[in-house]
N, C-alpha and C. Protein backbone atom coordinates (compact mmCIF):
# COMPACT_ATOMS: atom_id res chain seq x y z
N UNK A 1 -35.91 -15.45 185.94
CA UNK A 1 -35.57 -15.45 186.92
C UNK A 1 -34.70 -16.21 187.50
N UNK A 2 -34.63 -18.12 187.15
CA UNK A 2 -33.59 -18.92 187.49
C UNK A 2 -32.19 -18.36 186.54
N UNK A 3 -32.50 -18.18 185.28
CA UNK A 3 -30.64 -17.71 184.60
C UNK A 3 -30.62 -16.38 185.46
N UNK A 4 -31.21 -15.88 185.78
CA UNK A 4 -30.71 -14.25 186.70
C UNK A 4 -29.88 -15.31 187.52
N UNK A 5 -31.00 -15.75 188.12
CA UNK A 5 -30.21 -15.91 189.86
C UNK A 5 -28.83 -16.93 190.19
N UNK A 6 -28.76 -17.91 188.88
CA UNK A 6 -28.08 -19.17 189.14
C UNK A 6 -27.03 -18.01 188.45
N UNK A 7 -26.97 -17.51 187.58
CA UNK A 7 -25.71 -16.41 186.89
C UNK A 7 -24.99 -15.83 188.10
N UNK A 8 -25.32 -15.26 188.70
CA UNK A 8 -25.33 -14.22 189.54
C UNK A 8 -25.61 -14.88 191.06
N UNK A 9 -25.75 -15.65 191.45
CA UNK A 9 -25.84 -16.63 192.81
C UNK A 9 -25.18 -17.72 192.85
N UNK A 10 -25.03 -18.89 191.96
CA UNK A 10 -24.79 -19.61 191.61
C UNK A 10 -25.70 -20.93 191.14
N UNK A 11 -24.85 -22.10 191.18
CA UNK A 11 -25.57 -22.94 191.52
C UNK A 11 -26.62 -23.56 192.15
N UNK A 12 -27.02 -23.93 193.71
CA UNK A 12 -27.81 -23.75 194.99
C UNK A 12 -28.50 -22.76 194.68
N UNK A 13 -28.86 -21.68 194.85
CA UNK A 13 -30.17 -20.87 194.74
C UNK A 13 -30.79 -20.88 193.29
N UNK A 14 -30.41 -21.33 192.22
CA UNK A 14 -31.28 -21.31 191.31
C UNK A 14 -32.00 -22.67 191.38
N UNK A 15 -30.97 -23.53 191.73
CA UNK A 15 -31.79 -24.82 192.41
C UNK A 15 -32.66 -24.62 192.96
N UNK A 16 -32.59 -24.03 194.43
CA UNK A 16 -34.00 -23.32 194.97
C UNK A 16 -34.73 -22.01 194.71
N UNK A 17 -34.24 -21.49 193.07
CA UNK A 17 -35.08 -21.35 193.31
C UNK A 17 -36.33 -21.44 191.97
N UNK A 18 -35.74 -22.64 191.61
CA UNK A 18 -36.65 -23.62 191.11
C UNK A 18 -37.32 -24.36 191.75
N UNK A 19 -37.22 -24.29 193.16
CA UNK A 19 -38.06 -25.04 193.80
C UNK A 19 -38.61 -24.38 194.22
N UNK A 20 -38.57 -22.89 194.56
CA UNK A 20 -39.53 -22.06 194.62
C UNK A 20 -40.73 -22.43 194.02
N UNK A 21 -40.27 -22.25 192.68
CA UNK A 21 -41.00 -21.96 191.32
C UNK A 21 -42.38 -23.09 191.24
N UNK A 22 -41.58 -24.52 190.91
CA UNK A 22 -42.58 -26.07 191.18
C UNK A 22 -42.79 -25.44 192.39
N UNK A 23 -43.05 -25.44 193.97
CA UNK A 23 -43.60 -25.33 194.44
C UNK A 23 -44.95 -23.93 194.79
N UNK A 24 -44.75 -23.75 193.84
CA UNK A 24 -45.73 -22.07 193.61
C UNK A 24 -47.36 -22.99 193.16
N UNK A 25 -46.84 -24.32 191.94
CA UNK A 25 -48.06 -24.97 191.49
C UNK A 25 -48.92 -25.06 192.82
N UNK A 26 -48.30 -25.28 193.68
CA UNK A 26 -49.23 -25.69 195.20
C UNK A 26 -50.47 -24.48 194.39
N UNK A 27 -50.26 -23.74 195.20
CA UNK A 27 -50.87 -22.79 195.26
C UNK A 27 -52.31 -22.46 194.31
N UNK A 28 -51.79 -22.66 192.42
CA UNK A 28 -53.06 -22.65 191.47
C UNK A 28 -53.56 -23.76 191.93
N UNK A 29 -52.57 -24.32 192.11
CA UNK A 29 -53.39 -26.66 192.75
C UNK A 29 -55.18 -26.50 193.25
N UNK A 30 -54.25 -25.68 194.63
CA UNK A 30 -55.44 -25.54 195.69
C UNK A 30 -56.35 -25.48 195.25
N UNK A 31 -56.04 -23.69 194.79
CA UNK A 31 -57.92 -23.57 194.36
C UNK A 31 -58.14 -24.23 193.15
N UNK A 32 -57.65 -24.42 191.87
CA UNK A 32 -57.42 -25.41 191.52
C UNK A 32 -58.57 -26.28 191.52
N UNK A 33 -58.44 -26.83 192.88
CA UNK A 33 -58.77 -28.54 192.89
C UNK A 33 -59.79 -27.84 193.65
N UNK A 34 -60.26 -26.77 194.43
CA UNK A 34 -61.44 -26.42 195.08
C UNK A 34 -62.62 -25.63 193.85
N UNK A 35 -61.98 -25.76 192.83
CA UNK A 35 -63.14 -25.14 191.54
C UNK A 35 -63.26 -23.68 191.84
N UNK A 36 -62.34 -22.92 192.43
CA UNK A 36 -62.09 -21.44 192.54
C UNK A 36 -61.57 -20.62 191.10
N UNK A 37 -60.39 -22.38 190.30
CA UNK A 37 -59.98 -21.33 189.32
C UNK A 37 -61.14 -21.27 187.99
N UNK A 38 -62.34 -22.15 187.92
CA UNK A 38 -63.22 -21.04 187.18
C UNK A 38 -63.93 -20.74 187.30
N UNK A 39 -64.08 -19.76 188.60
CA UNK A 39 -64.37 -18.72 189.40
C UNK A 39 -63.33 -17.74 188.86
N UNK A 40 -61.97 -18.05 189.16
CA UNK A 40 -61.02 -17.25 188.67
C UNK A 40 -60.95 -16.41 187.00
N UNK A 41 -61.42 -18.03 186.63
CA UNK A 41 -60.83 -17.75 184.87
C UNK A 41 -61.86 -16.25 184.25
N UNK A 42 -63.49 -16.84 184.94
CA UNK A 42 -64.38 -16.36 184.16
C UNK A 42 -64.37 -15.02 184.98
N UNK A 43 -63.70 -14.35 185.85
CA UNK A 43 -63.64 -13.17 186.41
C UNK A 43 -62.53 -11.80 186.24
N UNK A 44 -62.70 -11.91 185.72
CA UNK A 44 -61.71 -10.23 184.77
C UNK A 44 -60.49 -9.74 186.20
N UNK A 45 -61.43 -9.00 187.16
CA UNK A 45 -60.68 -8.59 188.26
C UNK A 45 -59.35 -9.48 188.65
N UNK A 46 -60.30 -10.47 189.01
CA UNK A 46 -59.01 -11.34 189.88
C UNK A 46 -58.01 -11.56 188.35
N UNK A 47 -58.18 -11.57 187.55
CA UNK A 47 -56.54 -11.77 186.34
C UNK A 47 -56.09 -10.59 186.73
N UNK A 48 -56.65 -9.29 186.61
CA UNK A 48 -56.44 -7.72 186.63
C UNK A 48 -55.65 -7.57 188.00
N UNK A 49 -56.56 -8.22 189.21
CA UNK A 49 -55.46 -7.96 190.29
C UNK A 49 -54.07 -8.61 189.83
N UNK A 50 -53.67 -10.63 189.79
CA UNK A 50 -52.88 -10.82 189.85
C UNK A 50 -52.12 -9.75 188.81
N UNK A 51 -52.07 -9.71 187.04
CA UNK A 51 -51.29 -8.74 186.08
C UNK A 51 -50.67 -7.92 187.19
N UNK A 52 -51.26 -6.62 187.68
CA UNK A 52 -51.07 -5.93 188.25
C UNK A 52 -50.41 -6.39 189.92
N UNK A 53 -50.21 -7.86 190.25
CA UNK A 53 -49.36 -8.07 192.06
C UNK A 53 -48.78 -8.28 191.33
N UNK A 54 -48.50 -8.71 189.70
CA UNK A 54 -46.45 -9.96 189.25
C UNK A 54 -46.40 -9.10 188.76
N UNK A 55 -47.00 -7.26 187.60
CA UNK A 55 -46.09 -6.77 187.68
C UNK A 55 -45.21 -5.74 188.63
N UNK A 56 -45.94 -5.83 189.01
CA UNK A 56 -45.36 -4.98 190.89
C UNK A 56 -44.00 -5.74 191.52
N UNK A 57 -44.12 -6.54 191.14
CA UNK A 57 -43.52 -7.63 192.13
C UNK A 57 -42.09 -7.45 190.85
N UNK A 58 -42.67 -8.04 189.78
CA UNK A 58 -41.27 -7.92 188.71
C UNK A 58 -40.79 -6.31 188.88
N UNK A 59 -40.78 -5.34 189.44
CA UNK A 59 -40.48 -3.47 189.44
C UNK A 59 -39.73 -4.48 190.35
N UNK A 60 -39.81 -4.64 191.48
CA UNK A 60 -39.18 -3.90 192.51
C UNK A 60 -38.42 -5.55 192.13
N UNK A 61 -38.52 -6.61 191.63
CA UNK A 61 -37.27 -7.66 191.40
C UNK A 61 -36.70 -6.40 190.26
N UNK A 62 -36.70 -5.50 189.28
CA UNK A 62 -35.87 -5.14 188.74
C UNK A 62 -35.01 -4.61 189.72
N UNK A 63 -35.52 -3.42 189.86
CA UNK A 63 -35.45 -2.57 191.15
C UNK A 63 -34.30 -3.02 192.21
N UNK A 64 -34.48 -3.66 192.23
CA UNK A 64 -33.17 -5.09 193.22
C UNK A 64 -31.88 -4.92 192.69
N UNK A 65 -32.55 -5.48 191.22
CA UNK A 65 -31.23 -5.78 190.94
C UNK A 65 -30.42 -4.35 190.24
N UNK A 66 -31.31 -3.28 190.53
CA UNK A 66 -29.94 -1.92 189.89
C UNK A 66 -29.98 -1.59 191.08
N UNK A 67 -30.11 -1.90 192.54
CA UNK A 67 -30.33 -1.51 193.77
C UNK A 67 -28.90 -0.87 194.19
N UNK A 68 -28.08 -2.18 194.02
CA UNK A 68 -26.40 -1.15 193.81
C UNK A 68 -26.05 -0.11 193.33
N UNK A 69 -26.01 0.17 191.20
CA UNK A 69 -26.17 1.11 191.09
C UNK A 69 -27.05 2.51 191.41
N UNK A 70 -27.79 2.09 191.81
CA UNK A 70 -28.79 3.42 191.87
C UNK A 70 -28.11 3.88 193.53
N UNK A 71 -28.20 3.28 194.55
CA UNK A 71 -26.82 3.52 195.32
C UNK A 71 -25.85 3.96 195.00
N UNK A 72 -24.73 3.59 194.57
CA UNK A 72 -24.14 4.60 193.73
C UNK A 72 -24.02 5.26 193.37
N UNK A 73 -24.63 5.98 192.98
CA UNK A 73 -25.22 6.93 192.19
C UNK A 73 -25.91 7.86 193.49
N UNK A 74 -26.61 7.69 194.10
CA UNK A 74 -26.68 8.09 194.97
C UNK A 74 -24.88 8.88 195.91
N UNK A 75 -25.14 7.87 196.42
CA UNK A 75 -23.92 8.25 197.38
C UNK A 75 -22.64 9.23 196.72
N UNK A 76 -22.39 8.27 195.81
CA UNK A 76 -21.21 9.28 194.56
C UNK A 76 -21.75 11.18 194.83
N UNK A 77 -23.13 10.61 194.09
CA UNK A 77 -23.50 12.68 194.27
C UNK A 77 -23.82 13.65 195.78
N UNK A 78 -24.58 12.09 196.65
CA UNK A 78 -24.25 12.56 198.65
C UNK A 78 -22.98 13.59 198.39
N UNK A 79 -21.83 12.26 198.31
CA UNK A 79 -20.61 13.05 199.22
C UNK A 79 -19.24 13.84 197.67
N UNK A 80 -19.86 13.71 196.30
CA UNK A 80 -19.07 13.69 196.10
C UNK A 80 -17.71 13.16 195.75
N UNK A 81 -17.76 11.67 196.24
CA UNK A 81 -16.13 11.26 196.10
C UNK A 81 -16.67 9.46 195.99
N UNK A 82 -15.62 8.56 195.06
CA UNK A 82 -16.41 7.40 194.88
C UNK A 82 -16.36 6.07 196.05
N UNK A 83 -17.32 5.96 195.85
CA UNK A 83 -17.85 5.08 196.77
C UNK A 83 -17.08 3.75 196.76
N UNK A 84 -16.50 3.37 198.26
CA UNK A 84 -15.28 1.71 198.68
C UNK A 84 -17.05 0.89 199.07
N UNK A 85 -16.52 -0.38 198.19
CA UNK A 85 -17.90 -1.08 198.12
C UNK A 85 -17.30 -2.02 200.05
N UNK A 86 -18.17 -1.75 200.24
CA UNK A 86 -17.83 -2.19 201.27
C UNK A 86 -17.70 -3.96 201.57
N UNK A 87 -16.92 -4.86 202.91
CA UNK A 87 -17.44 -6.25 202.58
C UNK A 87 -17.90 -6.96 202.25
N UNK A 88 -18.63 -7.95 201.72
CA UNK A 88 -20.12 -8.73 202.41
C UNK A 88 -18.93 -9.88 202.47
N UNK A 89 -19.34 -9.76 204.17
CA UNK A 89 -19.59 -11.01 205.23
C UNK A 89 -20.56 -12.23 204.89
N UNK A 90 -20.17 -13.35 204.74
CA UNK A 90 -20.68 -13.92 205.29
C UNK A 90 -21.01 -14.73 205.82
N UNK A 91 -21.88 -14.57 207.33
CA UNK A 91 -21.91 -15.33 208.46
C UNK A 91 -23.77 -16.47 207.72
N UNK A 92 -23.48 -17.32 209.03
CA UNK A 92 -24.41 -18.38 208.80
C UNK A 92 -25.87 -17.40 208.59
N UNK A 93 -26.03 -16.67 208.76
CA UNK A 93 -27.67 -15.36 208.99
C UNK A 93 -27.90 -15.06 207.21
N UNK A 94 -26.70 -14.59 207.22
CA UNK A 94 -26.70 -14.13 205.40
C UNK A 94 -26.83 -15.18 204.30
N UNK A 95 -26.01 -15.97 204.52
CA UNK A 95 -25.94 -17.21 203.66
C UNK A 95 -27.97 -18.09 203.94
N UNK A 96 -28.32 -18.09 205.44
CA UNK A 96 -29.84 -18.45 205.32
C UNK A 96 -30.60 -17.61 204.50
N UNK A 97 -30.45 -16.36 204.50
CA UNK A 97 -31.44 -15.02 203.73
C UNK A 97 -31.23 -15.39 202.93
N UNK A 98 -29.57 -15.25 202.06
CA UNK A 98 -29.75 -16.03 200.17
C UNK A 98 -30.15 -16.57 199.82
N UNK A 99 -30.92 -17.74 201.00
CA UNK A 99 -30.62 -19.38 199.41
C UNK A 99 -32.24 -18.97 199.75
N UNK A 100 -32.76 -18.18 201.37
CA UNK A 100 -34.69 -18.41 201.38
C UNK A 100 -35.01 -17.25 200.04
N UNK A 101 -34.57 -16.33 199.83
CA UNK A 101 -34.70 -15.15 199.30
C UNK A 101 -34.87 -15.76 197.48
N UNK A 102 -33.75 -16.80 197.24
CA UNK A 102 -33.61 -17.25 195.88
C UNK A 102 -34.83 -18.39 195.98
N UNK A 103 -35.47 -19.00 196.96
CA UNK A 103 -36.74 -20.05 197.41
C UNK A 103 -38.00 -18.87 196.70
N UNK A 104 -37.68 -17.78 197.74
CA UNK A 104 -39.51 -16.67 197.32
C UNK A 104 -39.81 -16.48 196.46
N UNK A 105 -37.97 -15.03 196.21
CA UNK A 105 -38.10 -14.91 194.43
C UNK A 105 -38.84 -15.74 193.34
N UNK A 106 -38.09 -17.29 193.39
CA UNK A 106 -39.19 -18.30 192.48
C UNK A 106 -40.50 -18.52 193.22
N UNK A 107 -41.01 -18.65 194.04
CA UNK A 107 -42.41 -19.02 194.50
C UNK A 107 -43.50 -17.89 194.13
N UNK A 108 -42.74 -16.48 194.60
CA UNK A 108 -43.84 -15.39 195.02
C UNK A 108 -44.01 -15.07 193.09
N UNK A 109 -42.22 -15.67 192.29
CA UNK A 109 -42.75 -15.33 190.39
C UNK A 109 -43.86 -15.96 190.12
N UNK A 110 -44.04 -17.26 190.39
CA UNK A 110 -45.26 -18.47 190.04
C UNK A 110 -46.45 -18.38 190.35
N UNK A 111 -45.70 -17.47 191.73
CA UNK A 111 -47.88 -17.98 192.57
C UNK A 111 -47.87 -16.60 192.15
N UNK A 112 -47.71 -15.43 191.48
CA UNK A 112 -48.37 -14.76 191.23
C UNK A 112 -48.48 -14.03 189.64
N UNK A 113 -48.38 -15.29 189.36
CA UNK A 113 -48.37 -15.29 187.47
C UNK A 113 -50.19 -16.17 186.24
N UNK A 114 -49.88 -14.75 186.42
CA UNK A 114 -51.60 -15.07 185.81
C UNK A 114 -51.80 -16.05 184.77
N UNK A 115 -50.32 -16.36 183.38
CA UNK A 115 -50.61 -16.84 182.75
C UNK A 115 -50.24 -19.25 183.67
N UNK A 116 -49.55 -18.50 184.60
CA UNK A 116 -49.60 -20.09 185.65
C UNK A 116 -51.39 -20.60 185.73
N UNK A 117 -51.46 -19.56 186.46
CA UNK A 117 -52.93 -20.02 186.78
C UNK A 117 -53.78 -19.81 185.15
N UNK A 118 -53.95 -19.51 184.21
CA UNK A 118 -55.06 -20.12 183.63
C UNK A 118 -54.04 -21.13 182.38
N UNK A 119 -52.87 -21.50 182.53
CA UNK A 119 -52.12 -23.01 182.35
C UNK A 119 -52.90 -24.00 182.81
N UNK A 120 -52.81 -23.83 184.67
CA UNK A 120 -53.93 -25.20 185.43
C UNK A 120 -55.05 -25.03 185.03
N UNK A 121 -55.65 -24.39 185.03
CA UNK A 121 -57.11 -23.82 184.83
C UNK A 121 -56.84 -24.96 183.67
N UNK A 122 -56.81 -24.70 182.13
CA UNK A 122 -57.45 -25.34 181.34
C UNK A 122 -56.60 -26.84 181.37
N UNK A 123 -55.93 -26.49 182.30
CA UNK A 123 -54.75 -28.41 181.40
C UNK A 123 -56.00 -29.43 182.27
N UNK A 124 -56.69 -28.90 183.78
CA UNK A 124 -57.39 -29.71 184.72
C UNK A 124 -58.41 -29.43 183.13
N UNK A 125 -58.89 -28.31 183.04
CA UNK A 125 -60.00 -28.87 182.40
C UNK A 125 -60.62 -29.46 181.90
N UNK A 126 -59.41 -29.71 180.46
CA UNK A 126 -58.98 -30.68 180.21
C UNK A 126 -59.08 -32.93 180.16
N UNK A 127 -58.32 -32.83 181.42
CA UNK A 127 -57.81 -33.52 181.57
C UNK A 127 -58.97 -33.97 183.03
N UNK A 128 -59.50 -33.31 183.78
CA UNK A 128 -60.11 -33.60 184.93
C UNK A 128 -62.27 -33.89 184.52
N UNK A 129 -62.43 -34.56 184.92
CA UNK A 129 -63.47 -34.76 185.19
C UNK A 129 -64.79 -35.24 186.73
N UNK A 130 -65.54 -34.89 186.60
CA UNK A 130 -65.84 -35.92 188.04
C UNK A 130 -66.29 -36.55 188.11
N UNK A 131 -65.90 -37.78 187.69
CA UNK A 131 -65.22 -39.06 187.53
C UNK A 131 -63.21 -39.35 188.02
N UNK A 132 -62.85 -38.29 187.81
CA UNK A 132 -61.65 -38.62 188.05
C UNK A 132 -61.49 -38.60 189.76
N UNK A 133 -61.09 -38.97 190.09
CA UNK A 133 -60.16 -39.21 191.45
C UNK A 133 -59.84 -38.35 192.67
N UNK A 134 -59.31 -37.72 193.30
CA UNK A 134 -58.62 -36.58 194.23
C UNK A 134 -57.35 -37.13 194.09
N UNK A 135 -57.19 -38.44 194.26
CA UNK A 135 -55.64 -39.22 193.81
C UNK A 135 -55.14 -38.62 193.11
N UNK A 136 -56.04 -38.68 192.12
CA UNK A 136 -56.08 -38.87 190.20
C UNK A 136 -55.08 -37.17 190.23
N UNK A 137 -56.35 -36.72 190.39
CA UNK A 137 -56.05 -34.60 190.65
C UNK A 137 -54.49 -34.36 190.83
N UNK A 138 -54.35 -34.99 192.74
CA UNK A 138 -53.05 -34.54 193.14
C UNK A 138 -52.07 -34.99 191.86
N UNK A 139 -52.36 -36.24 191.41
CA UNK A 139 -51.04 -36.51 190.77
C UNK A 139 -50.32 -36.13 189.43
N UNK A 140 -51.36 -35.25 189.04
CA UNK A 140 -51.60 -34.36 188.02
C UNK A 140 -50.77 -33.12 188.59
N UNK A 141 -51.07 -33.22 189.64
CA UNK A 141 -50.52 -31.42 190.10
C UNK A 141 -48.98 -31.60 190.44
N UNK A 142 -48.49 -32.91 191.01
CA UNK A 142 -47.06 -32.78 191.65
C UNK A 142 -46.87 -33.68 190.50
N UNK A 143 -47.31 -33.89 188.74
CA UNK A 143 -46.03 -34.23 188.11
C UNK A 143 -45.82 -32.73 187.10
N UNK A 144 -46.45 -31.96 187.29
CA UNK A 144 -46.54 -30.78 186.69
C UNK A 144 -45.59 -29.68 187.11
N UNK A 145 -46.00 -29.57 188.97
CA UNK A 145 -43.82 -29.75 189.45
C UNK A 145 -43.68 -29.82 189.44
N UNK A 146 -43.38 -31.52 189.72
CA UNK A 146 -41.76 -32.03 189.66
C UNK A 146 -41.39 -31.82 188.38
N UNK A 147 -42.14 -31.38 186.82
CA UNK A 147 -42.01 -31.62 185.26
C UNK A 147 -40.68 -29.67 185.61
N UNK A 148 -42.03 -29.12 185.78
CA UNK A 148 -40.73 -27.26 186.46
C UNK A 148 -39.56 -28.03 187.03
N UNK A 149 -39.69 -28.49 188.49
CA UNK A 149 -38.24 -28.15 188.86
C UNK A 149 -37.12 -29.10 188.00
N UNK A 150 -37.84 -30.30 188.27
CA UNK A 150 -37.16 -30.22 186.87
C UNK A 150 -36.28 -30.23 185.88
N UNK A 151 -37.06 -28.92 184.90
CA UNK A 151 -36.76 -28.33 183.88
C UNK A 151 -35.94 -26.88 184.44
N UNK A 152 -36.07 -26.30 185.37
CA UNK A 152 -35.79 -25.43 185.85
C UNK A 152 -34.07 -25.57 186.64
N UNK A 153 -34.88 -26.82 187.15
CA UNK A 153 -32.66 -26.84 187.74
C UNK A 153 -31.99 -27.83 187.11
N UNK A 154 -32.61 -28.11 185.53
CA UNK A 154 -31.63 -28.52 184.58
C UNK A 154 -31.69 -27.34 184.07
N UNK A 155 -31.46 -26.28 184.02
CA UNK A 155 -31.30 -24.30 183.73
C UNK A 155 -29.68 -24.02 184.88
N UNK A 156 -31.06 -24.35 185.98
CA UNK A 156 -29.67 -23.84 187.06
C UNK A 156 -28.45 -24.63 186.61
N UNK A 157 -28.16 -25.71 186.66
CA UNK A 157 -27.15 -26.71 186.34
C UNK A 157 -26.62 -26.08 185.32
N UNK A 158 -26.95 -26.05 184.45
CA UNK A 158 -26.31 -25.58 182.94
C UNK A 158 -25.73 -24.70 183.30
N UNK A 159 -26.68 -23.46 183.79
CA UNK A 159 -26.01 -22.10 183.44
C UNK A 159 -24.95 -21.66 184.87
N UNK A 160 -24.41 -22.83 185.53
CA UNK A 160 -23.07 -22.61 186.47
C UNK A 160 -22.26 -23.84 186.42
N UNK A 161 -22.26 -24.34 184.82
CA UNK A 161 -20.97 -25.15 184.79
C UNK A 161 -20.09 -24.32 184.68
N UNK A 162 -18.67 -25.40 184.55
CA UNK A 162 -17.26 -24.02 184.85
C UNK A 162 -17.54 -23.43 183.85
N UNK A 163 -17.20 -23.98 182.37
CA UNK A 163 -17.54 -23.17 181.08
C UNK A 163 -17.74 -21.92 180.63
N UNK A 164 -19.61 -22.41 181.84
CA UNK A 164 -20.12 -21.09 181.37
C UNK A 164 -19.93 -20.15 181.79
N UNK A 165 -19.58 -20.44 182.96
CA UNK A 165 -19.18 -19.36 184.12
C UNK A 165 -17.80 -18.62 184.07
N UNK A 166 -16.80 -19.45 183.83
CA UNK A 166 -16.13 -18.85 182.66
C UNK A 166 -16.54 -17.95 181.59
N UNK A 167 -16.48 -18.18 180.87
CA UNK A 167 -17.26 -16.52 180.07
C UNK A 167 -18.97 -15.55 180.99
N UNK A 168 -18.83 -16.22 181.34
CA UNK A 168 -20.02 -14.73 182.16
C UNK A 168 -19.51 -14.04 182.76
N UNK A 169 -18.28 -14.81 184.02
CA UNK A 169 -17.46 -13.95 185.14
C UNK A 169 -17.75 -12.45 184.83
N UNK A 170 -16.73 -12.20 183.36
CA UNK A 170 -16.70 -10.82 183.50
C UNK A 170 -17.46 -9.79 182.99
N UNK A 171 -18.94 -10.91 182.73
CA UNK A 171 -20.04 -9.95 182.50
C UNK A 171 -21.18 -9.60 183.53
N UNK A 172 -20.95 -10.12 184.72
CA UNK A 172 -21.60 -10.41 185.54
C UNK A 172 -23.12 -9.12 185.92
N UNK A 173 -21.89 -8.21 185.59
CA UNK A 173 -22.86 -6.69 186.06
C UNK A 173 -23.45 -6.23 185.32
N UNK A 174 -22.61 -6.70 184.39
CA UNK A 174 -24.24 -6.38 183.05
C UNK A 174 -25.05 -7.33 182.80
N UNK A 175 -25.01 -8.08 183.28
CA UNK A 175 -25.91 -9.42 183.17
C UNK A 175 -27.28 -9.15 184.54
N UNK A 176 -26.60 -8.66 186.31
CA UNK A 176 -27.76 -8.11 186.78
C UNK A 176 -28.10 -7.07 185.85
N UNK A 177 -27.87 -5.80 185.45
CA UNK A 177 -28.19 -4.89 184.79
C UNK A 177 -28.75 -5.12 184.05
N UNK A 178 -28.85 -5.68 182.87
CA UNK A 178 -30.29 -5.65 182.11
C UNK A 178 -30.92 -6.79 181.97
N UNK A 179 -31.01 -7.80 183.13
CA UNK A 179 -32.52 -8.12 184.08
C UNK A 179 -32.71 -7.25 185.04
N UNK A 180 -32.24 -6.20 185.03
CA UNK A 180 -33.04 -5.23 185.86
C UNK A 180 -34.09 -4.90 185.23
N UNK A 181 -33.09 -3.70 184.16
CA UNK A 181 -34.11 -3.12 182.89
C UNK A 181 -35.14 -4.14 182.28
N UNK A 182 -34.99 -4.83 182.21
CA UNK A 182 -35.76 -5.93 181.78
C UNK A 182 -37.12 -6.69 182.27
N UNK A 183 -36.67 -6.92 183.51
CA UNK A 183 -37.85 -6.74 184.36
C UNK A 183 -38.70 -5.51 184.91
N UNK A 184 -38.08 -4.46 185.19
CA UNK A 184 -38.34 -3.47 185.43
C UNK A 184 -39.63 -3.10 184.22
N UNK A 185 -38.84 -3.06 183.24
CA UNK A 185 -39.70 -2.47 181.99
C UNK A 185 -40.74 -3.30 181.63
N UNK A 186 -40.28 -4.89 181.94
CA UNK A 186 -41.40 -5.60 181.62
C UNK A 186 -42.90 -5.39 182.84
N UNK A 187 -42.75 -4.96 184.04
CA UNK A 187 -43.64 -4.76 184.55
C UNK A 187 -44.23 -3.18 184.29
N UNK A 188 -42.88 -3.05 184.15
CA UNK A 188 -43.93 -1.34 183.48
C UNK A 188 -45.28 -1.61 182.77
N UNK A 189 -44.33 -2.71 181.45
CA UNK A 189 -45.29 -2.22 180.27
C UNK A 189 -46.73 -2.99 180.48
N UNK A 190 -46.60 -3.94 181.48
CA UNK A 190 -47.78 -4.85 182.12
C UNK A 190 -48.84 -3.97 183.29
N UNK A 191 -47.96 -3.38 184.03
CA UNK A 191 -49.17 -2.27 184.88
C UNK A 191 -49.63 -1.05 183.82
N UNK A 192 -48.94 -0.85 182.74
CA UNK A 192 -49.87 0.04 181.84
C UNK A 192 -50.87 -0.63 180.62
N UNK A 193 -50.71 -1.67 180.55
CA UNK A 193 -51.12 -2.48 179.63
C UNK A 193 -52.77 -2.79 179.41
């Protein structure tokens, strides 16, 4: 997710996506600290529900990535003439929507990820006992969120360096198409399995 957003939309959006991913740790942290993580891990229907929601989200992301091509095909078939791309005006409202979209894409991707849930629950079951203070538990959670943010922000920065951008510029449309196909197929695979 961070790679795709960074390569296609830029460093700022990549870092916002990384921030969304790290912020979503708070969702898993909250129910783990409340003791619901053990309940979730022991009830297969919760994991299945998260798997289905995550799969549907991946399919939506994949189709969103492919949507410009789908619109072009539909428009071409409908009007039997090549479509002309419309100008993309960057108004402050559009910029705000783009930035919040990058954040929420990262947030939803991690909040709906059952692997993250299992990671947090299993990690906390190893390092936390009845004697661990709430402050220490929150410290562990903050550390995990910070580690996620630092790693994914680093990925965003590296992928948006001038050298990488020069090489990727020609292939941006194909990056979008390939990631769209991969996300859709992964979502369908998760949904079917």
